[in-house]
Amino acid sequence: MADRERSSGSARLVTALSWTVLLCGLWLWGRQVTDVPREVPQTATGDLAAIGGPQEAELPSAVSPLKRALPQRVDIPGLGVQAPVIARGLDARGAVEPPPFAQAGAVGWYAGGTAPGADGAALLVGHVDTETRPAVFYKLSTVRPGQTVRVLRDDGTVAEFTVDGVQVQSRDRFDAARAYGQHRAGRAELRLITCGGTFDRAGRTYTANVIVSAYLTGTGL
């Protein structure tokens, strides 16, 4: 898949991301989830909360973006996650398609946007749980700044990212551009997204999204 032109690609990414908040409801539509309570910190207004380690924590410098290559696996050592990556597009409602529930241990990559390791912000989405068990991103809200996310790519390289932010954004105050669409020019960044907050049984959805931001700090073979 060829890279999109920067301007049109960014517009498409923000458009797709503006619908990502619907993922939690779409994932859980017509389903029962586990009774394991899930709570994540929110601001008093429920708008946007940052969670993580000390602000003074020293993080490594960014390295130059890599050439485009397709992601194959995501490793998050701090969470014990080693998950295959599957390319996803948009569904009929305009939302990024998550992996099927039958593949709740997989991570979905929005293939219409940036590839992990390339210049821009790549988008990875995963389920938090299913009707019977925790899913691939069940512990995503426990990630802290400084932790490592590795993406194995089809050219044999490993893009190594360092987490620099963990946010919770409520569904009713969702701002896609603020949460996902912006990135520093000339940097390869990553956004990992799942459901968070509490499960609203009446609305059959979670009340928030957990958004982990990371940036490229190393490469390997």
N, C-alpha and C. Protein backbone atom coordinates (compact mmCIF):
# COMPACT_ATOMS: atom_id res chain seq x y z
N MET A 1 0.85 -1.20 0.00
CA MET A 1 0.00 0.00 0.00
C MET A 1 0.88 1.24 0.00
N ALA A 2 0.69 2.14 -0.94
CA ALA A 2 1.55 3.31 -1.05
C ALA A 2 1.20 4.32 0.02
N ASP A 3 2.19 5.11 0.44
CA ASP A 3 1.93 6.19 1.40
C ASP A 3 1.00 7.22 0.79
N ARG A 4 0.12 7.76 1.62
CA ARG A 4 -0.75 8.84 1.17
C ARG A 4 0.02 10.15 1.16
N GLU A 5 -0.40 11.09 0.35
CA GLU A 5 0.18 12.44 0.42
C GLU A 5 -0.12 13.00 1.80
N ARG A 6 0.83 13.78 2.35
CA ARG A 6 0.74 14.19 3.74
C ARG A 6 -0.56 14.90 4.08
N SER A 7 -0.97 15.87 3.25
CA SER A 7 -2.16 16.66 3.59
C SER A 7 -3.42 15.81 3.57
N SER A 8 -3.62 15.05 2.50
CA SER A 8 -4.83 14.25 2.40
C SER A 8 -4.80 13.11 3.40
N GLY A 9 -3.59 12.56 3.66
CA GLY A 9 -3.48 11.47 4.63
C GLY A 9 -3.84 11.93 6.02
N SER A 10 -3.38 13.13 6.40
CA SER A 10 -3.70 13.65 7.72
C SER A 10 -5.19 13.88 7.87
N ALA A 11 -5.82 14.40 6.83
CA ALA A 11 -7.26 14.65 6.89
C ALA A 11 -8.02 13.35 7.06
N ARG A 12 -7.61 12.32 6.31
CA ARG A 12 -8.29 11.02 6.43
C ARG A 12 -8.09 10.43 7.80
N LEU A 13 -6.86 10.60 8.36
CA LEU A 13 -6.58 10.05 9.67
C LEU A 13 -7.47 10.68 10.72
N VAL A 14 -7.56 12.01 10.71
CA VAL A 14 -8.39 12.69 11.70
C VAL A 14 -9.85 12.31 11.53
N THR A 15 -10.29 12.18 10.26
CA THR A 15 -11.67 11.76 10.02
C THR A 15 -11.93 10.39 10.61
N ALA A 16 -11.01 9.47 10.36
CA ALA A 16 -11.18 8.11 10.90
C ALA A 16 -11.11 8.13 12.41
N LEU A 17 -10.18 8.91 12.97
CA LEU A 17 -10.02 8.93 14.40
C LEU A 17 -11.20 9.57 15.11
N SER A 18 -11.86 10.50 14.42
CA SER A 18 -13.02 11.13 15.04
C SER A 18 -14.11 10.11 15.30
N TRP A 19 -14.05 8.99 14.61
CA TRP A 19 -15.02 7.92 14.81
C TRP A 19 -14.51 6.86 15.77
N THR A 20 -13.24 6.92 16.14
CA THR A 20 -12.68 5.86 16.98
C THR A 20 -13.39 5.78 18.32
N VAL A 21 -13.90 6.91 18.81
CA VAL A 21 -14.64 6.89 20.07
C VAL A 21 -15.84 5.97 20.00
N LEU A 22 -16.35 5.70 18.78
CA LEU A 22 -17.48 4.79 18.65
C LEU A 22 -17.08 3.33 18.79
N LEU A 23 -15.78 3.07 18.74
CA LEU A 23 -15.34 1.69 18.77
C LEU A 23 -15.85 0.93 19.97
N CYS A 24 -15.77 1.57 21.16
CA CYS A 24 -16.16 0.86 22.37
C CYS A 24 -17.60 0.39 22.28
N GLY A 25 -18.47 1.28 21.80
CA GLY A 25 -19.86 0.89 21.67
C GLY A 25 -20.05 -0.16 20.60
N LEU A 26 -19.35 -0.03 19.48
CA LEU A 26 -19.50 -0.99 18.39
C LEU A 26 -18.95 -2.35 18.78
N TRP A 27 -17.82 -2.37 19.53
CA TRP A 27 -17.27 -3.64 19.96
C TRP A 27 -18.25 -4.40 20.83
N LEU A 28 -18.97 -3.66 21.68
CA LEU A 28 -19.80 -4.30 22.69
C LEU A 28 -21.25 -4.42 22.29
N TRP A 29 -21.56 -3.95 21.09
CA TRP A 29 -22.95 -3.99 20.64
C TRP A 29 -23.46 -5.43 20.62
N GLY A 30 -24.57 -5.65 21.34
CA GLY A 30 -25.19 -6.97 21.35
C GLY A 30 -24.43 -8.01 22.14
N ARG A 31 -23.47 -7.58 22.99
CA ARG A 31 -22.65 -8.54 23.73
C ARG A 31 -22.72 -8.26 25.21
N GLN A 32 -22.38 -9.25 26.01
CA GLN A 32 -22.19 -9.09 27.44
C GLN A 32 -20.70 -9.13 27.69
N VAL A 33 -20.16 -8.20 28.50
CA VAL A 33 -18.74 -8.22 28.82
C VAL A 33 -18.55 -8.79 30.22
N THR A 34 -17.30 -9.00 30.60
CA THR A 34 -17.03 -9.58 31.90
C THR A 34 -17.48 -8.64 33.00
N ASP A 35 -17.66 -9.21 34.19
CA ASP A 35 -18.08 -8.41 35.33
C ASP A 35 -16.89 -7.83 36.08
N VAL A 36 -15.67 -8.00 35.54
CA VAL A 36 -14.50 -7.42 36.18
C VAL A 36 -14.61 -5.91 36.10
N PRO A 37 -14.66 -5.18 37.24
CA PRO A 37 -14.81 -3.73 37.17
C PRO A 37 -13.55 -3.08 36.61
N ARG A 38 -13.74 -2.08 35.76
CA ARG A 38 -12.62 -1.35 35.21
C ARG A 38 -12.82 0.12 35.49
N GLU A 39 -11.86 0.72 36.18
CA GLU A 39 -11.89 2.14 36.47
C GLU A 39 -10.57 2.74 36.03
N VAL A 40 -10.60 3.89 35.40
CA VAL A 40 -9.39 4.61 35.06
C VAL A 40 -9.57 6.06 35.46
N PRO A 41 -8.49 6.76 35.86
CA PRO A 41 -8.61 8.13 36.34
C PRO A 41 -9.19 9.07 35.29
N GLN A 42 -10.02 10.00 35.74
CA GLN A 42 -10.56 11.04 34.87
C GLN A 42 -10.51 12.36 35.62
N THR A 43 -10.58 13.46 34.88
CA THR A 43 -10.65 14.75 35.51
C THR A 43 -12.03 14.95 36.11
N ALA A 44 -12.19 16.01 36.87
CA ALA A 44 -13.48 16.27 37.50
C ALA A 44 -14.57 16.47 36.46
N THR A 45 -14.20 16.99 35.30
CA THR A 45 -15.19 17.22 34.25
C THR A 45 -15.36 16.01 33.35
N GLY A 46 -14.49 15.02 33.52
CA GLY A 46 -14.52 13.85 32.65
C GLY A 46 -13.98 14.16 31.26
N ASP A 47 -13.24 15.25 31.12
CA ASP A 47 -12.77 15.66 29.80
C ASP A 47 -11.54 14.88 29.39
N LEU A 48 -10.39 15.20 29.96
CA LEU A 48 -9.15 14.56 29.57
C LEU A 48 -8.25 14.48 30.78
N ALA A 49 -7.78 13.29 31.09
CA ALA A 49 -6.90 13.11 32.23
C ALA A 49 -5.61 12.48 31.76
N ALA A 50 -4.50 12.97 32.29
CA ALA A 50 -3.21 12.36 32.01
C ALA A 50 -2.82 11.52 33.22
N ILE A 51 -2.40 10.29 32.97
CA ILE A 51 -1.97 9.44 34.06
C ILE A 51 -0.59 8.92 33.73
N GLY A 52 0.21 8.66 34.73
CA GLY A 52 1.54 8.15 34.45
C GLY A 52 2.51 8.48 35.55
N GLY A 53 3.79 8.41 35.21
CA GLY A 53 4.85 8.59 36.18
C GLY A 53 5.16 10.05 36.43
N PRO A 54 6.23 10.32 37.18
CA PRO A 54 6.62 11.67 37.52
C PRO A 54 6.90 12.50 36.27
N GLN A 55 6.50 13.77 36.32
CA GLN A 55 6.70 14.65 35.18
C GLN A 55 8.17 14.86 34.88
N GLU A 56 9.02 14.73 35.94
CA GLU A 56 10.44 15.00 35.72
C GLU A 56 11.19 13.79 35.17
N ALA A 57 10.51 12.69 34.94
CA ALA A 57 11.16 11.49 34.41
C ALA A 57 11.84 11.82 33.08
N GLU A 58 13.12 11.42 32.95
CA GLU A 58 13.88 11.74 31.75
C GLU A 58 13.64 10.67 30.70
N LEU A 59 13.24 11.10 29.53
CA LEU A 59 12.95 10.17 28.45
C LEU A 59 14.03 10.28 27.37
N PRO A 60 14.26 9.21 26.62
CA PRO A 60 15.31 9.23 25.58
C PRO A 60 14.93 10.14 24.42
N SER A 61 15.93 10.52 23.64
CA SER A 61 15.70 11.36 22.48
C SER A 61 15.05 10.56 21.36
N ALA A 62 14.30 11.26 20.53
CA ALA A 62 13.68 10.63 19.37
C ALA A 62 14.74 10.35 18.31
N VAL A 63 14.52 9.32 17.50
CA VAL A 63 15.39 9.04 16.35
C VAL A 63 14.60 9.30 15.08
N SER A 64 15.30 9.38 13.97
CA SER A 64 14.66 9.70 12.69
C SER A 64 13.70 8.59 12.27
N PRO A 65 12.59 8.97 11.63
CA PRO A 65 11.62 7.98 11.15
C PRO A 65 12.26 7.00 10.18
N LEU A 66 11.66 5.82 10.08
CA LEU A 66 12.11 4.77 9.19
C LEU A 66 11.31 4.81 7.89
N LYS A 67 11.80 4.06 6.90
CA LYS A 67 11.01 3.88 5.69
C LYS A 67 9.77 3.06 6.04
N ARG A 68 8.73 3.22 5.26
CA ARG A 68 7.49 2.52 5.51
C ARG A 68 7.68 1.00 5.38
N ALA A 69 7.15 0.27 6.35
CA ALA A 69 7.11 -1.19 6.32
C ALA A 69 5.89 -1.61 7.13
N LEU A 70 5.31 -2.73 6.79
CA LEU A 70 4.07 -3.15 7.43
C LEU A 70 4.32 -3.80 8.79
N PRO A 71 3.49 -3.47 9.78
CA PRO A 71 3.66 -4.07 11.11
C PRO A 71 3.19 -5.52 11.13
N GLN A 72 3.91 -6.35 11.87
CA GLN A 72 3.54 -7.75 11.99
C GLN A 72 3.21 -8.17 13.42
N ARG A 73 3.91 -7.57 14.39
CA ARG A 73 3.68 -7.95 15.78
C ARG A 73 3.97 -6.77 16.69
N VAL A 74 3.23 -6.68 17.79
CA VAL A 74 3.46 -5.67 18.81
C VAL A 74 3.88 -6.36 20.10
N ASP A 75 4.97 -5.92 20.68
CA ASP A 75 5.43 -6.42 21.97
C ASP A 75 5.42 -5.26 22.98
N ILE A 76 4.79 -5.49 24.12
CA ILE A 76 4.84 -4.52 25.22
C ILE A 76 5.36 -5.29 26.43
N PRO A 77 6.68 -5.31 26.64
CA PRO A 77 7.27 -6.15 27.68
C PRO A 77 6.68 -5.91 29.07
N GLY A 78 6.38 -4.67 29.40
CA GLY A 78 5.86 -4.36 30.73
C GLY A 78 4.50 -4.95 30.99
N LEU A 79 3.77 -5.30 29.94
CA LEU A 79 2.44 -5.88 30.09
C LEU A 79 2.41 -7.36 29.74
N GLY A 80 3.55 -7.88 29.28
CA GLY A 80 3.57 -9.27 28.84
C GLY A 80 2.80 -9.50 27.55
N VAL A 81 2.67 -8.44 26.73
CA VAL A 81 1.92 -8.54 25.48
C VAL A 81 2.85 -8.88 24.32
N GLN A 82 2.50 -9.92 23.57
CA GLN A 82 3.13 -10.26 22.29
C GLN A 82 1.97 -10.60 21.36
N ALA A 83 1.60 -9.66 20.53
CA ALA A 83 0.35 -9.80 19.77
C ALA A 83 0.58 -9.61 18.28
N PRO A 84 -0.06 -10.45 17.47
CA PRO A 84 -0.01 -10.23 16.03
C PRO A 84 -0.77 -8.98 15.64
N VAL A 85 -0.37 -8.37 14.54
CA VAL A 85 -1.04 -7.16 14.04
C VAL A 85 -1.78 -7.51 12.76
N ILE A 86 -3.03 -7.06 12.67
CA ILE A 86 -3.80 -7.26 11.45
C ILE A 86 -4.26 -5.91 10.92
N ALA A 87 -4.16 -5.74 9.61
CA ALA A 87 -4.56 -4.48 8.98
C ALA A 87 -6.08 -4.34 9.02
N ARG A 88 -6.54 -3.12 9.33
CA ARG A 88 -7.97 -2.85 9.39
C ARG A 88 -8.28 -1.57 8.64
N GLY A 89 -9.51 -1.49 8.15
CA GLY A 89 -9.97 -0.29 7.47
C GLY A 89 -11.10 0.36 8.25
N LEU A 90 -12.04 0.97 7.52
CA LEU A 90 -13.20 1.58 8.14
C LEU A 90 -14.43 0.75 7.84
N ASP A 91 -15.34 0.69 8.82
CA ASP A 91 -16.57 -0.05 8.59
C ASP A 91 -17.63 0.86 7.97
N ALA A 92 -18.84 0.36 7.80
CA ALA A 92 -19.90 1.10 7.11
C ALA A 92 -20.28 2.37 7.86
N ARG A 93 -20.00 2.43 9.15
CA ARG A 93 -20.35 3.61 9.95
C ARG A 93 -19.21 4.63 9.99
N GLY A 94 -18.08 4.28 9.38
CA GLY A 94 -16.95 5.20 9.37
C GLY A 94 -16.00 4.99 10.52
N ALA A 95 -16.19 3.93 11.31
CA ALA A 95 -15.31 3.66 12.43
C ALA A 95 -14.18 2.73 12.00
N VAL A 96 -13.03 2.86 12.65
CA VAL A 96 -11.94 1.92 12.40
C VAL A 96 -12.39 0.55 12.89
N GLU A 97 -12.24 -0.44 12.04
CA GLU A 97 -12.66 -1.79 12.40
C GLU A 97 -11.67 -2.40 13.39
N PRO A 98 -12.15 -2.81 14.56
CA PRO A 98 -11.26 -3.52 15.48
C PRO A 98 -11.08 -4.96 15.00
N PRO A 99 -10.15 -5.69 15.59
CA PRO A 99 -10.05 -7.11 15.24
C PRO A 99 -11.35 -7.83 15.60
N PRO A 100 -11.68 -8.92 14.93
CA PRO A 100 -12.87 -9.69 15.31
C PRO A 100 -12.73 -10.20 16.74
N PHE A 101 -13.85 -10.43 17.43
CA PHE A 101 -13.78 -10.96 18.78
C PHE A 101 -13.09 -12.32 18.82
N ALA A 102 -13.17 -13.06 17.72
CA ALA A 102 -12.47 -14.35 17.65
C ALA A 102 -10.96 -14.17 17.67
N GLN A 103 -10.49 -12.93 17.40
CA GLN A 103 -9.06 -12.62 17.44
C GLN A 103 -8.81 -11.50 18.46
N ALA A 104 -9.39 -11.66 19.64
CA ALA A 104 -9.28 -10.62 20.67
C ALA A 104 -7.86 -10.47 21.20
N GLY A 105 -6.99 -11.40 20.87
CA GLY A 105 -5.60 -11.28 21.26
C GLY A 105 -4.75 -10.58 20.23
N ALA A 106 -5.37 -10.12 19.14
CA ALA A 106 -4.64 -9.41 18.08
C ALA A 106 -4.84 -7.91 18.22
N VAL A 107 -3.95 -7.16 17.60
CA VAL A 107 -4.02 -5.69 17.57
C VAL A 107 -4.35 -5.26 16.15
N GLY A 108 -5.27 -4.33 16.01
CA GLY A 108 -5.63 -3.81 14.70
C GLY A 108 -4.84 -2.56 14.36
N TRP A 109 -4.33 -2.50 13.15
CA TRP A 109 -3.61 -1.31 12.66
C TRP A 109 -4.46 -0.64 11.60
N TYR A 110 -4.66 0.68 11.72
CA TYR A 110 -5.40 1.42 10.71
C TYR A 110 -4.52 1.57 9.47
N ALA A 111 -4.76 0.70 8.48
CA ALA A 111 -3.90 0.60 7.31
C ALA A 111 -4.04 1.78 6.36
N GLY A 112 -5.06 2.61 6.56
CA GLY A 112 -5.20 3.79 5.73
C GLY A 112 -4.37 4.96 6.20
N GLY A 113 -3.64 4.79 7.30
CA GLY A 113 -2.83 5.86 7.85
C GLY A 113 -1.35 5.51 7.85
N THR A 114 -0.64 6.07 8.79
CA THR A 114 0.81 5.90 8.89
C THR A 114 1.17 4.49 9.35
N ALA A 115 2.24 3.94 8.80
CA ALA A 115 2.76 2.67 9.27
C ALA A 115 3.66 2.91 10.48
N PRO A 116 3.62 2.06 11.50
CA PRO A 116 4.47 2.26 12.68
C PRO A 116 5.95 2.35 12.31
N GLY A 117 6.58 3.40 12.78
CA GLY A 117 7.99 3.64 12.48
C GLY A 117 8.20 4.69 11.42
N ALA A 118 7.19 4.92 10.57
CA ALA A 118 7.28 5.95 9.53
C ALA A 118 6.91 7.31 10.11
N ASP A 119 7.21 8.36 9.37
CA ASP A 119 6.90 9.73 9.81
C ASP A 119 5.40 9.89 9.95
N GLY A 120 4.95 10.31 11.12
CA GLY A 120 3.53 10.50 11.37
C GLY A 120 3.10 9.74 12.61
N ALA A 121 1.79 9.71 12.83
CA ALA A 121 1.25 9.02 14.00
C ALA A 121 0.49 7.78 13.54
N ALA A 122 1.00 6.60 13.87
CA ALA A 122 0.36 5.34 13.52
C ALA A 122 -0.67 4.96 14.59
N LEU A 123 -1.74 4.36 14.16
CA LEU A 123 -2.86 4.05 15.05
C LEU A 123 -3.02 2.55 15.22
N LEU A 124 -2.97 2.10 16.47
CA LEU A 124 -3.19 0.69 16.82
C LEU A 124 -4.36 0.61 17.79
N VAL A 125 -5.31 -0.28 17.52
CA VAL A 125 -6.47 -0.42 18.39
C VAL A 125 -6.59 -1.88 18.83
N GLY A 126 -7.13 -2.08 20.03
CA GLY A 126 -7.30 -3.43 20.54
C GLY A 126 -8.43 -3.49 21.53
N HIS A 127 -9.03 -4.66 21.69
CA HIS A 127 -10.10 -4.86 22.65
C HIS A 127 -9.55 -4.83 24.07
N VAL A 128 -10.40 -4.39 25.01
CA VAL A 128 -10.05 -4.44 26.42
C VAL A 128 -10.49 -5.75 27.04
N ASP A 129 -11.64 -6.27 26.60
CA ASP A 129 -12.11 -7.56 27.09
C ASP A 129 -13.16 -8.11 26.13
N THR A 130 -13.61 -9.33 26.42
CA THR A 130 -14.67 -9.97 25.66
C THR A 130 -15.73 -10.41 26.67
N GLU A 131 -16.69 -11.18 26.22
CA GLU A 131 -17.73 -11.64 27.14
C GLU A 131 -17.22 -12.68 28.13
N THR A 132 -16.04 -13.23 27.88
CA THR A 132 -15.54 -14.29 28.75
C THR A 132 -14.17 -14.03 29.37
N ARG A 133 -13.39 -13.09 28.82
CA ARG A 133 -12.02 -12.97 29.31
C ARG A 133 -11.42 -11.61 28.94
N PRO A 134 -10.33 -11.23 29.63
CA PRO A 134 -9.60 -10.03 29.23
C PRO A 134 -9.04 -10.20 27.82
N ALA A 135 -8.87 -9.09 27.12
CA ALA A 135 -8.33 -9.10 25.76
C ALA A 135 -6.95 -8.46 25.74
N VAL A 136 -6.43 -8.22 24.54
CA VAL A 136 -5.03 -7.85 24.37
C VAL A 136 -4.65 -6.57 25.11
N PHE A 137 -5.53 -5.58 25.16
CA PHE A 137 -5.20 -4.30 25.79
C PHE A 137 -5.87 -4.13 27.15
N TYR A 138 -6.13 -5.24 27.82
CA TYR A 138 -6.81 -5.17 29.12
C TYR A 138 -6.02 -4.34 30.13
N LYS A 139 -4.70 -4.40 30.08
CA LYS A 139 -3.86 -3.68 31.05
C LYS A 139 -3.25 -2.41 30.47
N LEU A 140 -3.76 -1.95 29.33
CA LEU A 140 -3.12 -0.81 28.67
C LEU A 140 -3.08 0.43 29.55
N SER A 141 -4.11 0.64 30.37
CA SER A 141 -4.15 1.85 31.20
C SER A 141 -3.09 1.84 32.30
N THR A 142 -2.41 0.71 32.52
CA THR A 142 -1.37 0.64 33.54
C THR A 142 0.01 0.98 32.98
N VAL A 143 0.11 1.19 31.66
CA VAL A 143 1.40 1.58 31.06
C VAL A 143 1.81 2.95 31.60
N ARG A 144 3.09 3.16 31.77
CA ARG A 144 3.59 4.43 32.29
C ARG A 144 4.67 5.00 31.37
N PRO A 145 4.84 6.33 31.37
CA PRO A 145 5.91 6.94 30.57
C PRO A 145 7.26 6.31 30.85
N GLY A 146 8.01 6.09 29.77
CA GLY A 146 9.32 5.46 29.88
C GLY A 146 9.31 4.00 29.49
N GLN A 147 8.12 3.37 29.49
CA GLN A 147 8.05 1.98 29.10
C GLN A 147 8.18 1.83 27.59
N THR A 148 8.51 0.62 27.16
CA THR A 148 8.83 0.34 25.76
C THR A 148 7.71 -0.39 25.04
N VAL A 149 7.48 0.01 23.80
CA VAL A 149 6.59 -0.71 22.89
C VAL A 149 7.40 -1.02 21.64
N ARG A 150 7.44 -2.29 21.25
CA ARG A 150 8.19 -2.69 20.07
C ARG A 150 7.24 -3.17 18.98
N VAL A 151 7.51 -2.75 17.76
CA VAL A 151 6.72 -3.19 16.61
C VAL A 151 7.64 -3.89 15.63
N LEU A 152 7.40 -5.17 15.41
CA LEU A 152 8.17 -5.93 14.43
C LEU A 152 7.54 -5.72 13.06
N ARG A 153 8.39 -5.41 12.05
CA ARG A 153 7.90 -5.01 10.74
C ARG A 153 8.31 -6.02 9.67
N ASP A 154 7.63 -5.96 8.53
CA ASP A 154 7.85 -6.99 7.52
C ASP A 154 9.15 -6.84 6.74
N ASP A 155 9.91 -5.78 7.01
CA ASP A 155 11.23 -5.66 6.38
C ASP A 155 12.33 -6.19 7.30
N GLY A 156 11.93 -6.82 8.40
CA GLY A 156 12.88 -7.41 9.33
C GLY A 156 13.35 -6.48 10.43
N THR A 157 12.92 -5.21 10.39
CA THR A 157 13.33 -4.26 11.42
C THR A 157 12.34 -4.27 12.59
N VAL A 158 12.83 -3.79 13.73
CA VAL A 158 12.01 -3.62 14.92
C VAL A 158 12.01 -2.13 15.27
N ALA A 159 10.84 -1.52 15.25
CA ALA A 159 10.71 -0.12 15.65
C ALA A 159 10.45 -0.08 17.16
N GLU A 160 11.35 0.56 17.88
CA GLU A 160 11.26 0.62 19.34
C GLU A 160 10.76 2.00 19.76
N PHE A 161 9.62 2.02 20.44
CA PHE A 161 8.98 3.26 20.87
C PHE A 161 9.06 3.39 22.39
N THR A 162 9.11 4.64 22.85
CA THR A 162 9.06 4.92 24.28
C THR A 162 7.76 5.66 24.59
N VAL A 163 7.04 5.18 25.56
CA VAL A 163 5.79 5.81 25.97
C VAL A 163 6.09 7.17 26.60
N ASP A 164 5.36 8.20 26.14
CA ASP A 164 5.53 9.52 26.76
C ASP A 164 4.23 10.10 27.28
N GLY A 165 3.14 9.36 27.18
CA GLY A 165 1.89 9.87 27.70
C GLY A 165 0.80 8.82 27.74
N VAL A 166 -0.03 8.88 28.77
CA VAL A 166 -1.21 8.01 28.88
C VAL A 166 -2.38 8.91 29.25
N GLN A 167 -3.40 8.92 28.41
CA GLN A 167 -4.54 9.79 28.63
C GLN A 167 -5.84 9.00 28.65
N VAL A 168 -6.81 9.57 29.34
CA VAL A 168 -8.17 9.03 29.32
C VAL A 168 -9.08 10.15 28.85
N GLN A 169 -9.82 9.90 27.79
CA GLN A 169 -10.72 10.92 27.28
C GLN A 169 -12.14 10.36 27.28
N SER A 170 -13.05 11.11 27.91
CA SER A 170 -14.43 10.65 28.00
C SER A 170 -15.09 10.70 26.63
N ARG A 171 -16.03 9.81 26.41
CA ARG A 171 -16.69 9.71 25.11
C ARG A 171 -17.50 10.95 24.79
N ASP A 172 -18.10 11.57 25.81
CA ASP A 172 -18.98 12.72 25.53
C ASP A 172 -18.21 14.01 25.31
N ARG A 173 -16.90 14.01 25.55
CA ARG A 173 -16.08 15.21 25.30
C ARG A 173 -14.90 14.87 24.39
N PHE A 174 -15.12 13.92 23.50
CA PHE A 174 -14.04 13.40 22.68
C PHE A 174 -13.56 14.42 21.65
N ASP A 175 -12.25 14.58 21.53
CA ASP A 175 -11.63 15.49 20.57
C ASP A 175 -10.55 14.71 19.84
N ALA A 176 -10.87 14.23 18.63
CA ALA A 176 -9.96 13.35 17.91
C ALA A 176 -8.64 14.04 17.58
N ALA A 177 -8.70 15.29 17.13
CA ALA A 177 -7.47 15.98 16.74
C ALA A 177 -6.54 16.14 17.93
N ARG A 178 -7.11 16.48 19.08
CA ARG A 178 -6.30 16.66 20.29
C ARG A 178 -5.73 15.33 20.77
N ALA A 179 -6.52 14.29 20.68
CA ALA A 179 -6.10 13.00 21.23
C ALA A 179 -5.12 12.27 20.33
N TYR A 180 -5.37 12.25 19.01
CA TYR A 180 -4.59 11.40 18.13
C TYR A 180 -3.97 12.11 16.94
N GLY A 181 -4.66 13.10 16.40
CA GLY A 181 -4.30 13.61 15.09
C GLY A 181 -3.04 14.43 15.03
N GLN A 182 -2.61 14.99 16.16
CA GLN A 182 -1.44 15.85 16.14
C GLN A 182 -0.18 15.05 16.44
N HIS A 183 0.91 15.41 15.75
CA HIS A 183 2.20 14.82 16.08
C HIS A 183 3.28 15.82 15.73
N ARG A 184 4.45 15.63 16.32
CA ARG A 184 5.56 16.54 16.05
C ARG A 184 6.13 16.24 14.67
N ALA A 185 6.37 17.29 13.90
CA ALA A 185 6.90 17.12 12.54
C ALA A 185 8.23 16.39 12.59
N GLY A 186 8.40 15.46 11.66
CA GLY A 186 9.66 14.74 11.56
C GLY A 186 9.83 13.64 12.58
N ARG A 187 8.75 13.28 13.28
CA ARG A 187 8.85 12.20 14.27
C ARG A 187 7.93 11.05 13.88
N ALA A 188 8.36 9.84 14.24
CA ALA A 188 7.51 8.66 14.11
C ALA A 188 6.85 8.44 15.47
N GLU A 189 5.53 8.45 15.48
CA GLU A 189 4.80 8.32 16.73
C GLU A 189 3.79 7.17 16.64
N LEU A 190 3.29 6.79 17.79
CA LEU A 190 2.37 5.66 17.89
C LEU A 190 1.25 6.05 18.85
N ARG A 191 0.03 5.62 18.52
CA ARG A 191 -1.11 5.76 19.43
C ARG A 191 -1.71 4.36 19.61
N LEU A 192 -1.83 3.94 20.85
CA LEU A 192 -2.48 2.67 21.17
C LEU A 192 -3.76 2.99 21.91
N ILE A 193 -4.87 2.42 21.47
CA ILE A 193 -6.18 2.84 21.96
C ILE A 193 -7.03 1.65 22.34
N THR A 194 -7.73 1.79 23.46
CA THR A 194 -8.71 0.80 23.87
C THR A 194 -9.80 1.50 24.68
N CYS A 195 -10.78 0.74 25.12
CA CYS A 195 -11.85 1.30 25.95
C CYS A 195 -11.37 1.47 27.38
N GLY A 196 -12.01 2.38 28.11
CA GLY A 196 -11.66 2.61 29.51
C GLY A 196 -12.83 3.21 30.26
N GLY A 197 -12.53 3.73 31.43
CA GLY A 197 -13.58 4.27 32.28
C GLY A 197 -14.38 3.14 32.91
N THR A 198 -15.68 3.27 32.96
CA THR A 198 -16.54 2.23 33.51
C THR A 198 -17.49 1.75 32.42
N PHE A 199 -18.02 0.56 32.59
CA PHE A 199 -18.94 0.01 31.61
C PHE A 199 -20.36 0.44 31.95
N ASP A 200 -20.97 1.15 31.02
CA ASP A 200 -22.35 1.61 31.17
C ASP A 200 -23.27 0.53 30.60
N ARG A 201 -23.91 -0.24 31.48
CA ARG A 201 -24.72 -1.36 31.01
C ARG A 201 -25.97 -0.88 30.28
N ALA A 202 -26.49 0.28 30.67
CA ALA A 202 -27.67 0.80 29.98
C ALA A 202 -27.33 1.18 28.54
N GLY A 203 -26.20 1.85 28.37
CA GLY A 203 -25.78 2.27 27.04
C GLY A 203 -24.97 1.23 26.31
N ARG A 204 -24.60 0.14 27.02
CA ARG A 204 -23.82 -0.96 26.47
C ARG A 204 -22.51 -0.47 25.86
N THR A 205 -21.81 0.37 26.60
CA THR A 205 -20.53 0.87 26.14
C THR A 205 -19.70 1.33 27.33
N TYR A 206 -18.39 1.47 27.12
CA TYR A 206 -17.53 2.07 28.13
C TYR A 206 -17.62 3.59 28.04
N THR A 207 -17.29 4.26 29.14
CA THR A 207 -17.47 5.70 29.22
C THR A 207 -16.29 6.51 28.68
N ALA A 208 -15.18 5.86 28.36
CA ALA A 208 -13.99 6.61 27.96
C ALA A 208 -13.10 5.78 27.04
N ASN A 209 -12.09 6.44 26.50
CA ASN A 209 -11.03 5.78 25.73
C ASN A 209 -9.71 5.98 26.45
N VAL A 210 -8.90 4.94 26.50
CA VAL A 210 -7.52 5.03 26.99
C VAL A 210 -6.62 5.21 25.77
N ILE A 211 -5.78 6.22 25.81
CA ILE A 211 -4.92 6.56 24.68
C ILE A 211 -3.47 6.63 25.16
N VAL A 212 -2.65 5.73 24.67
CA VAL A 212 -1.22 5.72 25.01
C VAL A 212 -0.46 6.31 23.83
N SER A 213 0.39 7.30 24.11
CA SER A 213 1.21 7.93 23.08
C SER A 213 2.67 7.49 23.27
N ALA A 214 3.34 7.22 22.16
CA ALA A 214 4.73 6.83 22.19
C ALA A 214 5.45 7.39 20.97
N TYR A 215 6.78 7.44 21.01
CA TYR A 215 7.55 7.97 19.89
C TYR A 215 8.77 7.09 19.66
N LEU A 216 9.27 7.10 18.43
CA LEU A 216 10.36 6.21 18.04
C LEU A 216 11.68 6.65 18.69
N THR A 217 12.29 5.71 19.41
CA THR A 217 13.56 6.01 20.10
C THR A 217 14.66 5.04 19.74
N GLY A 218 14.38 4.03 18.92
CA GLY A 218 15.43 3.09 18.56
C GLY A 218 14.94 2.12 17.50
N THR A 219 15.89 1.43 16.88
CA THR A 219 15.58 0.42 15.88
C THR A 219 16.46 -0.79 16.11
N GLY A 220 15.98 -1.92 15.63
CA GLY A 220 16.76 -3.15 15.77
C GLY A 220 16.47 -4.07 14.61
N LEU A 221 17.19 -5.17 14.56
CA LEU A 221 17.01 -6.17 13.52
C LEU A 221 16.69 -7.52 14.15
